[in-house]
């Protein structure tokens, strides 16, 4: 209602009162009234008299007297001799009836703690105290409190023993921490938290209205369940596979007829992308043809494409250089059988046409591997006890050819001793022999399922979503909103806590999409904990360090980016290093402006508290590791911040936005294997069936119709940019723009990102780069900085926003 007093305002001075020794000046109070309202946006005005002796305004304190929460975008103070003072808020303010505390909005000027104007120091401390909370009670939706907890809400033991899941976090299952919700614990398992259809995240971490329309917000759980029920209703049997490749293709040509449902929420929201035709009485789930299939519908069969995707696909983070020979497992042979690999020197040398010895190939850095052997082998027995699925440990060797492409040489599948049966292992080779070529295709489908599971659980979820949340919680608890490092990191934390809460709600939870459709099944999240324990190191999460760790690069001070790639045409690394260097330059310019001397870093209590909390609480299960960077110098800070920004933007974009392009046609990246290899202790009838119809054997190993269509739907959603997406180097923050030095640095960064986009475009037309160009090949665009909204397969987002 116009004229209603709904906001109480107080202006806080940057100065102390010289008369009241070392006490803050009295604030200037007033009320703001609504003067206009248009399309959901309202304008409020207030007249306040500010005496000349007041000093600069350093903050505005707000109390919302309206009965509902309101979103404050900007406060503008006019009438100063220096011109208007803009304060960017972009925050929800709950009504006084729910929280009588005054909200504090500082001006856009950034201060280190030691440089905080005397009149603002107390407010700075109070604001941080409010955000930390007291660690007690259940969090309410309107609150803005950040605290830590273990992943103890993935299971639902009160509903069923089958839905009980291990708590992730602690000595038994090390894991990063999530945001604490404080919900009641389960009756049947006091260590686990009760499930809820609404998971708390601090209010300002919720989706915007635009984002909610794109990703469905809290309703994803119920609406996704409804859609999956419709998909299941379209098939007579949940475990039924596709009977032909024509049937798979029909998902794109004819679509899937869905039974009618009363609630069509998610279905309607998918209309623009998935539902090409909904007529009265008919509902057709009609998938867009993925770019990979559009360009070459047989590409998934080609060995060179299988190898190319390890460098330019959706999971370029697992290929590694072979540095030791012979290959050998590090698992306990008493439990898992003989550790020696079945891949012999003769097999490899035959595969490379005896052009060199294995020792020469290793010395010349020609031999590479996908290694899912020791990680998966401990789970084989348990996974095989689940109906409709199977598992092996696997190794895949590839050879670098003279033209810079990779050639698959051999796949090894291993089953540990099970049910009094000895260890089984076999190698499979790409060959022209008909029988062996079909066995190779079957083995390759198993490897692709292993890679899909590792990609989703480790390369994607663990290393980006999960490991980033502690940085966000610690930043909000320890860095004031006026701290320059908080303001540097803030755009890279947008929506991440919300999307992670939704993942716990419907994707990584017990019997969720991941467990029901990916190869580790109910052990998926436990496996990601093992990967965190064995492999995750903060100092290896930056791109150069990651490449060096995998043997995909070596340090080279003379090289443009300080490293020399082992494979020159490695599209992900090639493009990624351009952006890594650009981020580091931008971060360096920014950090050096605020920290001209390293002593300022050591004396910055907030900064040191943030980094300490990241290590000791957010990643507390690894707090005693010796590899954590010490935060003492400008160089230390630049490397830490560059790594965090890289992970939140480039790493996530590289493994996320190509999911539908490469996985939408699931024979290219099946998420699960449902049948054992026909040569593993075969029955006579099974061998005959394979020999008579190998195509059917492959189809029966692929995901079921329900699994495939459910995953395709999710991959479409996850690969889609919303209309309010923010891209790396694309949008300047208000606090950066108000400072000439940081604004100049950002302009340079923005210009460089546009130059990088042009470089990537040029690379994608260079026919000498065979891993990114050629007939039927999908150009490598996942690290092209900018994108339109929708399913584009490009665009480096500022944050893990989906």
Foldseek 3Di string as FASTA:
>chain_A
DFPDFFKKKWFFALADDVVPPLHGDGTWIWTWTWDDDDDHDTDTDIDTDDDPPRHDGFKMWMATQDQAKDFDAWDWDADDPVGIFIFGDRDIHGHCVVPVGIDITGGLAFDFLVGRRSRCNVVLVVQLDQQQDDPDAFDDQAGNHFDWDWQQAQFAVLVHVLRHDDTAPDDVQFFFTATDGRAQADPVDRSHHHFDLDGHDGNSQADDPLVCLQQVFSCCQVLLVVVLVQLVVLDPDQQAFDQAVVSLCCCAVPFGWTADDPDCVVVVSCCVAQFVDDDVVTTGRHHHDFLLCVQPVCLLLDQLSLQLCCQFNLPVQAKFFDQDPDAFDPDDCVFFNGGGFPDDQVQQCVQVVVPDGPVVQNVLRFKMKRFQARLCQVLQQVLVVDAQFGAWGKMWMWTQDPLLTIGTRKMKTWHGDDPNRHIDMDIAGCDPPPVSNLLVLLRVLRVLLSSLLCLVQALACRLFLRLLNLLVSLCSNQPGPSHLVCVVCVQAAHNSSSVVVVCSNAPSHRVHLSLVFFASRRCSNSSSSVCCVPPDDLVCLQLVSSCVVRVQWDADCVDPQRIDGSRNLRPLSVLLSLLLVLLLLLLLLSLCVNPVWLVSFVPSRSNVSSLLCSQCPSSNVCNPPPRDQDRRGSVSVSSSSSSSQCSFWVSNLSNWQCCCSQPLSPSSRANGFRDDRCPPPHDPVSVVVCVVCVSSVSSSRGGRSSSNVSVSVVSQSRNWFGQPFAWVLRDDDPSQVVDVSSVVSSVVSNVSLVVSLVVLVVVLVDVSSVSAYDRSHDHRASDNADDHTHSDNHHTTSGSND
